[in-house]
């Protein structure tokens, strides 16, 4: 009977390790998703900052060079509003 008890103890230990590995795997998948979400947010923020800078310089140019056509004024408004 002693051999059977050892086998059952070993089986229980293996099952516990398997459960722990599955938990670790799930945690890594969740962490991966967090990094993907952060990458999307950072990309959106960079895009927004770039658009803000472009709008600032275009508006500055419009003030410095008021000879812009209606078409270029409309373009600046379209880029800076959307």
PDB file of N, CA and C in Angstrom:
ATOM      1  N   UNK A   1       0.808  -1.194   0.000  1.00  0.00           N
ATOM      2  CA  UNK A   1       0.000   0.000   0.000  1.00  0.00           C
ATOM      3  C   UNK A   1       0.857   1.266   0.000  1.00  0.00           C
ATOM      4  N   UNK A   2       2.045   1.156   0.553  1.00  0.00           N
ATOM      5  CA  UNK A   2       2.923   2.325   0.645  1.00  0.00           C
ATOM      6  C   UNK A   2       3.282   2.842  -0.752  1.00  0.00           C
ATOM      7  N   UNK A   3       3.490   1.969  -1.716  1.00  0.00           N
ATOM      8  CA  UNK A   3       3.823   2.364  -3.078  1.00  0.00           C
ATOM      9  C   UNK A   3       2.671   3.122  -3.726  1.00  0.00           C
ATOM     10  N   UNK A   4       1.438   2.677  -3.468  1.00  0.00           N
ATOM     11  CA  UNK A   4       0.260   3.356  -4.023  1.00  0.00           C
ATOM     12  C   UNK A   4       0.123   4.755  -3.436  1.00  0.00           C
ATOM     13  N   UNK A   5       0.400   4.916  -2.163  1.00  0.00           N
ATOM     14  CA  UNK A   5       0.330   6.226  -1.512  1.00  0.00           C
ATOM     15  C   UNK A   5       1.332   7.202  -2.112  1.00  0.00           C
ATOM     16  N   UNK A   6       2.533   6.705  -2.398  1.00  0.00           N
ATOM     17  CA  UNK A   6       3.549   7.552  -3.024  1.00  0.00           C
ATOM     18  C   UNK A   6       3.132   7.982  -4.422  1.00  0.00           C
ATOM     19  N   UNK A   7       2.538   7.049  -5.138  1.00  0.00           N
ATOM     20  CA  UNK A   7       2.079   7.351  -6.498  1.00  0.00           C
ATOM     21  C   UNK A   7       0.997   8.423  -6.440  1.00  0.00           C
ATOM     22  N   UNK A   8       0.057   8.295  -5.519  1.00  0.00           N
ATOM     23  CA  UNK A   8      -1.016   9.283  -5.379  1.00  0.00           C
ATOM     24  C   UNK A   8      -0.467  10.646  -4.967  1.00  0.00           C
ATOM     25  N   UNK A   9       0.513  10.658  -4.062  1.00  0.00           N
ATOM     26  CA  UNK A   9       1.143  11.920  -3.662  1.00  0.00           C
ATOM     27  C   UNK A   9       1.851  12.578  -4.854  1.00  0.00           C
ATOM     28  N   UNK A  10       2.561  11.755  -5.630  1.00  0.00           N
ATOM     29  CA  UNK A  10       3.257  12.272  -6.812  1.00  0.00           C
ATOM     30  C   UNK A  10       2.255  12.813  -7.827  1.00  0.00           C
ATOM     31  N   UNK A  11       1.165  12.078  -8.018  1.00  0.00           N
ATOM     32  CA  UNK A  11       0.116  12.525  -8.938  1.00  0.00           C
ATOM     33  C   UNK A  11      -0.477  13.854  -8.478  1.00  0.00           C
ATOM     34  N   UNK A  12      -0.739  13.985  -7.192  1.00  0.00           N
ATOM     35  CA  UNK A  12      -1.293  15.235  -6.654  1.00  0.00           C
ATOM     36  C   UNK A  12      -0.314  16.392  -6.856  1.00  0.00           C
ATOM     37  N   UNK A  13       0.963  16.125  -6.662  1.00  0.00           N
ATOM     38  CA  UNK A  13       1.980  17.161  -6.848  1.00  0.00           C
ATOM     39  C   UNK A  13       2.055  17.588  -8.317  1.00  0.00           C
ATOM     40  N   UNK A  14       2.005  16.617  -9.212  1.00  0.00           N
ATOM     41  CA  UNK A  14       2.024  16.931 -10.649  1.00  0.00           C
ATOM     42  C   UNK A  14       0.798  17.736 -11.035  1.00  0.00           C
ATOM     43  N   UNK A  15      -0.363  17.366 -10.519  1.00  0.00           N
ATOM     44  CA  UNK A  15      -1.591  18.097 -10.827  1.00  0.00           C
ATOM     45  C   UNK A  15      -1.516  19.537 -10.304  1.00  0.00           C
ATOM     46  N   UNK A  16      -0.949  19.711  -9.123  1.00  0.00           N
ATOM     47  CA  UNK A  16      -0.796  21.049  -8.556  1.00  0.00           C
ATOM     48  C   UNK A  16       0.153  21.897  -9.404  1.00  0.00           C
ATOM     49  N   UNK A  17       1.240  21.304  -9.834  1.00  0.00           N
ATOM     50  CA  UNK A  17       2.179  22.025 -10.703  1.00  0.00           C
ATOM     51  C   UNK A  17       1.518  22.383 -12.034  1.00  0.00           C
ATOM     52  N   UNK A  18       0.735  21.460 -12.564  1.00  0.00           N
ATOM     53  CA  UNK A  18       0.025  21.721 -13.821  1.00  0.00           C
ATOM     54  C   UNK A  18      -0.943  22.895 -13.650  1.00  0.00           C
ATOM     55  N   UNK A  19      -1.673  22.920 -12.543  1.00  0.00           N
ATOM     56  CA  UNK A  19      -2.598  24.016 -12.259  1.00  0.00           C
ATOM     57  C   UNK A  19      -1.837  25.339 -12.156  1.00  0.00           C
ATOM     58  N   UNK A  20      -0.687  25.309 -11.483  1.00  0.00           N
ATOM     59  CA  UNK A  20       0.120  26.520 -11.333  1.00  0.00           C
ATOM     60  C   UNK A  20       0.639  27.008 -12.688  1.00  0.00           C
ATOM     61  N   UNK A  21       1.043  26.090 -13.544  1.00  0.00           N
ATOM     62  CA  UNK A  21       1.518  26.466 -14.879  1.00  0.00           C
ATOM     63  C   UNK A  21       0.375  27.065 -15.694  1.00  0.00           C
ATOM     64  N   UNK A  22      -0.831  26.482 -15.592  1.00  0.00           N
ATOM     65  CA  UNK A  22      -1.985  27.024 -16.310  1.00  0.00           C
ATOM     66  C   UNK A  22      -2.325  28.431 -15.818  1.00  0.00           C
ATOM     67  N   UNK A  23      -2.236  28.673 -14.526  1.00  0.00           N
ATOM     68  CA  UNK A  23      -2.473  30.013 -13.972  1.00  0.00           C
ATOM     69  C   UNK A  23      -1.424  31.000 -14.497  1.00  0.00           C
ATOM     70  N   UNK A  24      -0.178  30.574 -14.522  1.00  0.00           N
ATOM     71  CA  UNK A  24       0.899  31.417 -15.039  1.00  0.00           C
ATOM     72  C   UNK A  24       0.681  31.731 -16.514  1.00  0.00           C
ATOM     73  N   UNK A  25       0.277  30.736 -17.273  1.00  0.00           N
ATOM     74  CA  UNK A  25       0.001  30.933 -18.689  1.00  0.00           C
ATOM     75  C   UNK A  25      -1.127  31.955 -18.880  1.00  0.00           C
ATOM     76  N   UNK A  26      -2.183  31.854 -18.081  1.00  0.00           N
ATOM     77  CA  UNK A  26      -3.293  32.799 -18.175  1.00  0.00           C
ATOM     78  C   UNK A  26      -2.843  34.208 -17.796  1.00  0.00           C
ATOM     79  N   UNK A  27      -2.015  34.315 -16.787  1.00  0.00           N
ATOM     80  CA  UNK A  27      -1.495  35.623 -16.385  1.00  0.00           C
ATOM     81  C   UNK A  27      -0.650  36.246 -17.491  1.00  0.00           C
ATOM     82  N   UNK A  28       0.155  35.436 -18.158  1.00  0.00           N
ATOM     83  CA  UNK A  28       0.979  35.939 -19.255  1.00  0.00           C
ATOM     84  C   UNK A  28       0.114  36.391 -20.431  1.00  0.00           C
ATOM     85  N   UNK A  29      -0.956  35.666 -20.710  1.00  0.00           N
ATOM     86  CA  UNK A  29      -1.877  36.074 -21.773  1.00  0.00           C
ATOM     87  C   UNK A  29      -2.547  37.409 -21.437  1.00  0.00           C
ATOM     88  N   UNK A  30      -2.935  37.572 -20.179  1.00  0.00           N
ATOM     89  CA  UNK A  30      -3.540  38.835 -19.752  1.00  0.00           C
ATOM     90  C   UNK A  30      -2.533  39.983 -19.839  1.00  0.00           C
ATOM     91  N   UNK A  31      -1.295  39.730 -19.444  1.00  0.00           N
ATOM     92  CA  UNK A  31      -0.248  40.739 -19.526  1.00  0.00           C
ATOM     93  C   UNK A  31       0.015  41.113 -20.986  1.00  0.00           C
ATOM     94  N   UNK A  32       0.029  40.128 -21.850  1.00  0.00           N
ATOM     95  CA  UNK A  32       0.208  40.376 -23.283  1.00  0.00           C
ATOM     96  C   UNK A  32      -0.899  41.295 -23.800  1.00  0.00           C
ATOM     97  N   UNK A  33      -2.139  41.044 -23.399  1.00  0.00           N
ATOM     98  CA  UNK A  33      -3.255  41.880 -23.835  1.00  0.00           C
ATOM     99  C   UNK A  33      -3.113  43.305 -23.310  1.00  0.00           C
ATOM    100  N   UNK A  34      -2.631  43.449 -22.090  1.00  0.00           N
ATOM    101  CA  UNK A  34      -2.413  44.783 -21.519  1.00  0.00           C
ATOM    102  C   UNK A  34      -1.385  45.545 -22.356  1.00  0.00           C
ATOM    103  N   UNK A  35      -0.305  44.881 -22.738  1.00  0.00           N
ATOM    104  CA  UNK A  35       0.710  45.539 -23.566  1.00  0.00           C
ATOM    105  C   UNK A  35       0.163  45.912 -24.939  1.00  0.00           C
ATOM    106  N   UNK A  36      -0.667  45.051 -25.517  1.00  0.00           N
ATOM    107  CA  UNK A  36      -1.292  45.386 -26.799  1.00  0.00           C
ATOM    108  C   UNK A  36      -2.189  46.613 -26.657  1.00  0.00           C
ATOM    109  N   UNK A  37      -2.992  46.649 -25.593  1.00  0.00           N
ATOM    110  CA  UNK A  37      -3.867  47.796 -25.352  1.00  0.00           C
ATOM    111  C   UNK A  37      -3.055  49.074 -25.160  1.00  0.00           C
ATOM    112  N   UNK A  38      -1.965  48.963 -24.410  1.00  0.00           N
ATOM    113  CA  UNK A  38      -1.118  50.140 -24.183  1.00  0.00           C
ATOM    114  C   UNK A  38      -0.489  50.619 -25.488  1.00  0.00           C
ATOM    115  N   UNK A  39      -0.098  49.703 -26.340  1.00  0.00           N
ATOM    116  CA  UNK A  39       0.496  50.082 -27.624  1.00  0.00           C
ATOM    117  C   UNK A  39      -0.505  50.873 -28.464  1.00  0.00           C
ATOM    118  N   UNK A  40      -1.756  50.443 -28.448  1.00  0.00           N
ATOM    119  CA  UNK A  40      -2.796  51.159 -29.189  1.00  0.00           C
ATOM    120  C   UNK A  40      -2.986  52.556 -28.612  1.00  0.00           C
ATOM    121  N   UNK A  41      -3.025  52.661 -27.290  1.00  0.00           N
ATOM    122  CA  UNK A  41      -3.201  53.964 -26.649  1.00  0.00           C
ATOM    123  C   UNK A  41      -2.032  54.895 -26.937  1.00  0.00           C
ATOM    124  N   UNK A  42      -0.824  54.379 -26.867  1.00  0.00           N
ATOM    125  CA  UNK A  42       0.359  55.204 -27.135  1.00  0.00           C
ATOM    126  C   UNK A  42       0.351  55.675 -28.583  1.00  0.00           C
ATOM    127  N   UNK A  43       0.010  54.791 -29.492  1.00  0.00           N
ATOM    128  CA  UNK A  43      -0.040  55.168 -30.910  1.00  0.00           C
ATOM    129  C   UNK A  43      -1.076  56.264 -31.137  1.00  0.00           C
ATOM    130  N   UNK A  44      -2.228  56.133 -30.500  1.00  0.00           N
ATOM    131  CA  UNK A  44      -3.271  57.151 -30.642  1.00  0.00           C
ATOM    132  C   UNK A  44      -2.813  58.486 -30.051  1.00  0.00           C
ATOM    133  N   UNK A  45      -2.138  58.432 -28.917  1.00  0.00           N
ATOM    134  CA  UNK A  45      -1.662  59.658 -28.276  1.00  0.00           C
ATOM    135  C   UNK A  45      -0.612  60.349 -29.145  1.00  0.00           C
ATOM    136  N   UNK A  46       0.300  59.587 -29.709  1.00  0.00           N
ATOM    137  CA  UNK A  46       1.329  60.159 -30.575  1.00  0.00           C
ATOM    138  C   UNK A  46       0.675  60.801 -31.793  1.00  0.00           C
ATOM    139  N   UNK A  47      -0.300  60.115 -32.351  1.00  0.00           N
ATOM    140  CA  UNK A  47      -1.007  60.655 -33.514  1.00  0.00           C
ATOM    141  C   UNK A  47      -1.704  61.966 -33.157  1.00  0.00           C
ATOM    142  N   UNK A  48      -2.332  62.004 -31.987  1.00  0.00           N
ATOM    143  CA  UNK A  48      -3.020  63.214 -31.549  1.00  0.00           C
ATOM    144  C   UNK A  48      -2.026  64.350 -31.310  1.00  0.00           C
ATOM    145  N   UNK A  49      -0.891  64.047 -30.702  1.00  0.00           N
ATOM    146  CA  UNK A  49       0.129  65.074 -30.458  1.00  0.00           C
ATOM    147  C   UNK A  49       0.680  65.601 -31.771  1.00  0.00           C
ATOM    148  N   UNK A  50       0.903  64.714 -32.722  1.00  0.00           N
ATOM    149  CA  UNK A  50       1.415  65.135 -34.019  1.00  0.00           C
ATOM    150  C   UNK A  50       0.402  66.037 -34.721  1.00  0.00           C
ATOM    151  N   UNK A  51      -0.879  65.649 -34.679  1.00  0.00           N
ATOM    152  CA  UNK A  51      -1.907  66.465 -35.306  1.00  0.00           C
ATOM    153  C   UNK A  51      -1.979  67.842 -34.645  1.00  0.00           C
ATOM    154  N   UNK A  52      -1.843  67.884 -33.328  1.00  0.00           N
ATOM    155  CA  UNK A  52      -1.869  69.161 -32.609  1.00  0.00           C
ATOM    156  C   UNK A  52      -0.709  70.045 -33.045  1.00  0.00           C
ATOM    157  N   UNK A  53       0.478  69.467 -33.171  1.00  0.00           N
ATOM    158  CA  UNK A  53       1.646  70.248 -33.596  1.00  0.00           C
ATOM    159  C   UNK A  53       1.491  70.733 -35.033  1.00  0.00           C
ATOM    160  N   UNK A  54       0.995  69.867 -35.903  1.00  0.00           N
ATOM    161  CA  UNK A  54       0.791  70.260 -37.298  1.00  0.00           C
ATOM    162  C   UNK A  54      -0.196  71.417 -37.363  1.00  0.00           C
ATOM    163  N   UNK A  55      -1.283  71.319 -36.610  1.00  0.00           N
ATOM    164  CA  UNK A  55      -2.291  72.381 -36.607  1.00  0.00           C
ATOM    165  C   UNK A  55      -1.704  73.689 -36.084  1.00  0.00           C
ATOM    166  N   UNK A  56      -0.915  73.593 -35.035  1.00  0.00           N
ATOM    167  CA  UNK A  56      -0.301  74.795 -34.477  1.00  0.00           C
ATOM    168  C   UNK A  56       0.551  75.502 -35.521  1.00  0.00           C
ATOM    169  N   UNK A  57       1.408  74.739 -36.211  1.00  0.00           N
ATOM    170  CA  UNK A  57       2.301  75.356 -37.195  1.00  0.00           C
ATOM    171  C   UNK A  57       1.543  75.855 -38.426  1.00  0.00           C
ATOM    172  N   UNK A  58       0.514  75.140 -38.817  1.00  0.00           N
ATOM    173  CA  UNK A  58      -0.272  75.614 -39.960  1.00  0.00           C
ATOM    174  C   UNK A  58      -0.994  76.913 -39.614  1.00  0.00           C
ATOM    175  N   UNK A  59      -1.550  76.985 -38.424  1.00  0.00           N
ATOM    176  CA  UNK A  59      -2.228  78.219 -38.008  1.00  0.00           C
ATOM    177  C   UNK A  59      -1.228  79.368 -37.893  1.00  0.00           C
ATOM    178  N   UNK A  60      -0.048  79.061 -37.393  1.00  0.00           N
ATOM    179  CA  UNK A  60       0.999  80.073 -37.292  1.00  0.00           C
ATOM    180  C   UNK A  60       1.383  80.589 -38.680  1.00  0.00           C
ATOM    181  N   UNK A  61       1.534  79.678 -39.610  1.00  0.00           N
ATOM    182  CA  UNK A  61       1.865  80.076 -40.986  1.00  0.00           C
ATOM    183  C   UNK A  61       0.742  80.928 -41.572  1.00  0.00           C
ATOM    184  N   UNK A  62      -0.494  80.558 -41.291  1.00  0.00           N
ATOM    185  CA  UNK A  62      -1.623  81.340 -41.811  1.00  0.00           C
ATOM    186  C   UNK A  62      -1.594  82.763 -41.253  1.00  0.00           C
ATOM    187  N   UNK A  63      -1.173  82.921 -40.010  1.00  0.00           N
ATOM    188  CA  UNK A  63      -1.085  84.259 -39.418  1.00  0.00           C
ATOM    189  C   UNK A  63       0.062  85.060 -40.020  1.00  0.00           C
ATOM    190  N   UNK A  64       1.172  84.366 -40.257  1.00  0.00           N
ATOM    191  CA  UNK A  64       2.352  85.042 -40.790  1.00  0.00           C
ATOM    192  C   UNK A  64       2.178  85.359 -42.275  1.00  0.00           C
ATOM    193  N   UNK A  65       1.544  84.454 -42.997  1.00  0.00           N
ATOM    194  CA  UNK A  65       1.331  84.645 -44.436  1.00  0.00           C
ATOM    195  C   UNK A  65      -0.170  84.665 -44.723  1.00  0.00           C
ATOM    196  N   UNK A  66      -0.822  85.797 -44.568  1.00  0.00           N
ATOM    197  CA  UNK A  66      -2.276  85.843 -44.725  1.00  0.00           C
ATOM    198  C   UNK A  66      -2.735  85.716 -46.168  1.00  0.00           C
ATOM    199  N   UNK A  67      -1.823  85.524 -47.100  1.00  0.00           N
ATOM    200  CA  UNK A  67      -2.177  85.438 -48.516  1.00  0.00           C
ATOM    201  C   UNK A  67      -2.685  84.059 -48.919  1.00  0.00           C
ATOM    202  N   UNK A  68      -2.846  83.152 -47.965  1.00  0.00           N
ATOM    203  CA  UNK A  68      -3.317  81.807 -48.297  1.00  0.00           C
ATOM    204  C   UNK A  68      -4.670  81.871 -48.982  1.00  0.00           C
ATOM    205  N   UNK A  69      -4.883  80.946 -49.848  1.00  0.00           N
ATOM    206  CA  UNK A  69      -6.159  80.874 -50.554  1.00  0.00           C
ATOM    207  C   UNK A  69      -7.229  80.301 -49.643  1.00  0.00           C
ATOM    208  N   UNK A  70      -8.467  80.405 -50.055  1.00  0.00           N
ATOM    209  CA  UNK A  70      -9.584  79.815 -49.306  1.00  0.00           C
ATOM    210  C   UNK A  70      -9.412  78.302 -49.202  1.00  0.00           C
ATOM    211  N   UNK A  71      -8.867  77.706 -50.252  1.00  0.00           N
ATOM    212  CA  UNK A  71      -8.671  76.257 -50.264  1.00  0.00           C
ATOM    213  C   UNK A  71      -7.713  75.814 -49.161  1.00  0.00           C
ATOM    214  N   UNK A  72      -6.613  76.532 -48.988  1.00  0.00           N
ATOM    215  CA  UNK A  72      -5.661  76.140 -47.950  1.00  0.00           C
ATOM    216  C   UNK A  72      -6.224  76.416 -46.557  1.00  0.00           C
ATOM    217  N   UNK A  73      -7.008  77.485 -46.393  1.00  0.00           N
ATOM    218  CA  UNK A  73      -7.673  77.735 -45.112  1.00  0.00           C
ATOM    219  C   UNK A  73      -8.633  76.590 -44.787  1.00  0.00           C
ATOM    220  N   UNK A  74      -9.367  76.136 -45.768  1.00  0.00           N
ATOM    221  CA  UNK A  74     -10.305  75.030 -45.565  1.00  0.00           C
ATOM    222  C   UNK A  74      -9.561  73.748 -45.202  1.00  0.00           C
ATOM    223  N   UNK A  75      -8.423  73.523 -45.821  1.00  0.00           N
ATOM    224  CA  UNK A  75      -7.618  72.343 -45.531  1.00  0.00           C
ATOM    225  C   UNK A  75      -7.125  72.364 -44.089  1.00  0.00           C
ATOM    226  N   UNK A  76      -6.632  73.513 -43.649  1.00  0.00           N
ATOM    227  CA  UNK A  76      -6.143  73.639 -42.269  1.00  0.00           C
ATOM    228  C   UNK A  76      -7.296  73.387 -41.293  1.00  0.00           C
ATOM    229  N   UNK A  77      -8.443  73.969 -41.556  1.00  0.00           N
ATOM    230  CA  UNK A  77      -9.608  73.763 -40.672  1.00  0.00           C
ATOM    231  C   UNK A  77     -10.003  72.300 -40.636  1.00  0.00           C
ATOM    232  N   UNK A  78      -9.999  71.638 -41.799  1.00  0.00           N
ATOM    233  CA  UNK A  78     -10.374  70.227 -41.853  1.00  0.00           C
ATOM    234  C   UNK A  78      -9.388  69.353 -41.085  1.00  0.00           C
ATOM    235  N   UNK A  79      -8.115  69.642 -41.221  1.00  0.00           N
ATOM    236  CA  UNK A  79      -7.096  68.834 -40.527  1.00  0.00           C
ATOM    237  C   UNK A  79      -7.119  69.068 -39.030  1.00  0.00           C
ATOM    238  N   UNK A  80      -7.404  70.264 -38.615  1.00  0.00           N
ATOM    239  CA  UNK A  80      -7.315  70.606 -37.202  1.00  0.00           C
ATOM    240  C   UNK A  80      -8.587  70.314 -36.440  1.00  0.00           C
ATOM    241  N   UNK A  81      -9.686  70.123 -37.114  1.00  0.00           N
ATOM    242  CA  UNK A  81     -10.952  69.850 -36.425  1.00  0.00           C
ATOM    243  C   UNK A  81     -11.146  68.356 -36.253  1.00  0.00           C
ATOM    244  N   UNK A  82     -10.788  67.582 -37.262  1.00  0.00           N
ATOM    245  CA  UNK A  82     -11.068  66.142 -37.211  1.00  0.00           C
ATOM    246  C   UNK A  82     -10.120  65.403 -36.318  1.00  0.00           C
TER     247      UNK A  82
END
